N, C-alpha and C. Protein backbone atom coordinates (compact mmCIF):
# COMPACT_ATOMS: atom_id res chain seq x y z
N MET A 1 72.88 -6.96 86.26
CA MET A 1 72.21 -5.77 86.72
C MET A 1 72.19 -5.81 88.24
N SER A 2 72.61 -4.74 88.84
CA SER A 2 72.58 -4.72 90.30
C SER A 2 71.13 -4.63 90.77
N GLY A 3 70.88 -5.21 91.90
CA GLY A 3 69.53 -5.22 92.45
C GLY A 3 69.01 -3.82 92.72
N THR A 4 69.89 -2.95 93.19
CA THR A 4 69.48 -1.58 93.50
C THR A 4 69.06 -0.84 92.24
N ASP A 5 69.84 -0.98 91.17
CA ASP A 5 69.49 -0.32 89.91
C ASP A 5 68.16 -0.84 89.37
N LYS A 6 67.97 -2.13 89.48
CA LYS A 6 66.74 -2.74 88.97
C LYS A 6 65.53 -2.18 89.72
N VAL A 7 65.65 -2.05 91.04
CA VAL A 7 64.55 -1.51 91.84
C VAL A 7 64.30 -0.04 91.49
N LYS A 8 65.36 0.74 91.35
CA LYS A 8 65.20 2.16 91.00
C LYS A 8 64.53 2.32 89.65
N ASN A 9 64.93 1.52 88.67
CA ASN A 9 64.34 1.62 87.34
C ASN A 9 62.88 1.22 87.36
N LYS A 10 62.56 0.17 88.11
CA LYS A 10 61.16 -0.28 88.21
C LYS A 10 60.32 0.78 88.91
N ALA A 11 60.89 1.40 89.96
CA ALA A 11 60.17 2.46 90.67
C ALA A 11 59.89 3.63 89.74
N GLU A 12 60.84 3.95 88.89
CA GLU A 12 60.64 5.05 87.93
C GLU A 12 59.51 4.70 86.96
N GLN A 13 59.47 3.45 86.52
CA GLN A 13 58.39 3.03 85.62
C GLN A 13 57.03 3.12 86.32
N LEU A 14 56.97 2.63 87.55
CA LEU A 14 55.70 2.64 88.28
C LEU A 14 55.24 4.07 88.58
N SER A 15 56.20 4.93 88.91
CA SER A 15 55.88 6.34 89.14
C SER A 15 55.32 6.96 87.86
N GLY A 16 55.92 6.62 86.75
CA GLY A 16 55.44 7.12 85.46
C GLY A 16 54.03 6.64 85.16
N GLN A 17 53.75 5.39 85.48
CA GLN A 17 52.40 4.86 85.26
C GLN A 17 51.38 5.60 86.12
N ALA A 18 51.76 5.89 87.36
CA ALA A 18 50.86 6.61 88.26
C ALA A 18 50.61 8.03 87.76
N LYS A 19 51.67 8.70 87.31
CA LYS A 19 51.52 10.05 86.78
C LYS A 19 50.63 10.05 85.54
N GLU A 20 50.86 9.07 84.67
CA GLU A 20 50.05 8.99 83.45
C GLU A 20 48.58 8.78 83.79
N ALA A 21 48.31 7.88 84.72
CA ALA A 21 46.92 7.60 85.11
C ALA A 21 46.28 8.83 85.76
N THR A 22 47.03 9.52 86.60
CA THR A 22 46.51 10.72 87.24
C THR A 22 46.23 11.80 86.20
N GLY A 23 47.16 11.97 85.28
CA GLY A 23 46.97 12.95 84.22
C GLY A 23 45.77 12.63 83.35
N ARG A 24 45.58 11.35 83.07
CA ARG A 24 44.43 10.94 82.27
C ARG A 24 43.13 11.21 83.03
N ALA A 25 43.12 10.90 84.33
CA ALA A 25 41.91 11.07 85.13
C ALA A 25 41.54 12.55 85.33
N THR A 26 42.55 13.39 85.43
CA THR A 26 42.28 14.81 85.67
C THR A 26 42.26 15.65 84.40
N GLY A 27 42.62 15.05 83.28
CA GLY A 27 42.65 15.78 82.02
C GLY A 27 43.90 16.64 81.88
N ASP A 28 44.92 16.37 82.68
CA ASP A 28 46.18 17.13 82.65
C ASP A 28 47.13 16.45 81.67
N GLU A 29 47.18 16.97 80.46
CA GLU A 29 48.00 16.36 79.40
C GLU A 29 49.49 16.47 79.69
N ASP A 30 49.91 17.53 80.38
CA ASP A 30 51.33 17.68 80.73
C ASP A 30 51.76 16.59 81.69
N LEU A 31 50.95 16.31 82.71
CA LEU A 31 51.27 15.26 83.67
C LEU A 31 51.25 13.90 82.99
N ARG A 32 50.32 13.70 82.10
CA ARG A 32 50.24 12.43 81.37
C ARG A 32 51.50 12.23 80.52
N ALA A 33 51.94 13.27 79.84
CA ALA A 33 53.15 13.19 79.02
C ALA A 33 54.38 12.95 79.89
N GLU A 34 54.43 13.61 81.04
CA GLU A 34 55.55 13.41 81.96
C GLU A 34 55.60 11.96 82.43
N GLY A 35 54.44 11.38 82.70
CA GLY A 35 54.37 9.99 83.11
C GLY A 35 54.88 9.05 82.03
N LYS A 36 54.51 9.31 80.80
CA LYS A 36 54.98 8.49 79.69
C LYS A 36 56.49 8.61 79.54
N ALA A 37 57.01 9.82 79.72
CA ALA A 37 58.46 10.03 79.62
C ALA A 37 59.20 9.28 80.72
N ASP A 38 58.65 9.29 81.93
CA ASP A 38 59.27 8.57 83.04
C ASP A 38 59.30 7.07 82.76
N GLN A 39 58.21 6.56 82.22
CA GLN A 39 58.16 5.14 81.89
C GLN A 39 59.20 4.79 80.83
N ALA A 40 59.31 5.61 79.81
CA ALA A 40 60.27 5.36 78.74
C ALA A 40 61.70 5.42 79.29
N SER A 41 61.96 6.35 80.16
CA SER A 41 63.28 6.49 80.76
C SER A 41 63.63 5.24 81.58
N GLY A 42 62.69 4.77 82.37
CA GLY A 42 62.92 3.56 83.17
C GLY A 42 63.16 2.35 82.29
N ASN A 43 62.41 2.23 81.22
CA ASN A 43 62.60 1.12 80.28
C ASN A 43 63.96 1.17 79.62
N LEU A 44 64.37 2.36 79.22
CA LEU A 44 65.66 2.54 78.56
C LEU A 44 66.81 2.19 79.50
N LYS A 45 66.70 2.62 80.75
CA LYS A 45 67.74 2.32 81.73
C LYS A 45 67.84 0.82 81.98
N GLN A 46 66.69 0.15 82.06
CA GLN A 46 66.72 -1.30 82.27
C GLN A 46 67.36 -2.00 81.07
N ALA A 47 67.05 -1.55 79.89
CA ALA A 47 67.65 -2.15 78.69
C ALA A 47 69.16 -1.96 78.70
N GLY A 48 69.61 -0.78 79.10
CA GLY A 48 71.04 -0.53 79.18
C GLY A 48 71.73 -1.43 80.19
N GLU A 49 71.10 -1.65 81.32
CA GLU A 49 71.66 -2.53 82.34
C GLU A 49 71.73 -3.97 81.82
N LYS A 50 70.74 -4.39 81.08
CA LYS A 50 70.74 -5.75 80.53
C LYS A 50 71.87 -5.93 79.52
N VAL A 51 72.12 -4.91 78.71
CA VAL A 51 73.21 -4.97 77.74
C VAL A 51 74.55 -5.09 78.49
N LYS A 52 74.70 -4.31 79.54
CA LYS A 52 75.94 -4.38 80.33
C LYS A 52 76.13 -5.78 80.92
N ASP A 53 75.03 -6.39 81.36
CA ASP A 53 75.11 -7.74 81.93
C ASP A 53 75.57 -8.76 80.90
N VAL A 54 75.18 -8.58 79.65
CA VAL A 54 75.56 -9.51 78.59
C VAL A 54 77.07 -9.51 78.40
N PHE A 55 77.70 -8.36 78.55
CA PHE A 55 79.13 -8.24 78.30
C PHE A 55 79.99 -8.47 79.53
N LYS A 56 79.40 -8.90 80.62
CA LYS A 56 80.18 -9.18 81.83
C LYS A 56 80.83 -10.54 81.74
């Protein structure tokens, strides 16, 4: 996994966590759902990068 991709994926996860927390605090269910989606996307991308590393 390239270092840049790893940082981008982690940033996406952290951004998702922040959105989810903000949505929870303000009662904004759309923002909370968007945060969860961002986290899932970051996790999926990291998993894909790890699979690619296995086959290198």
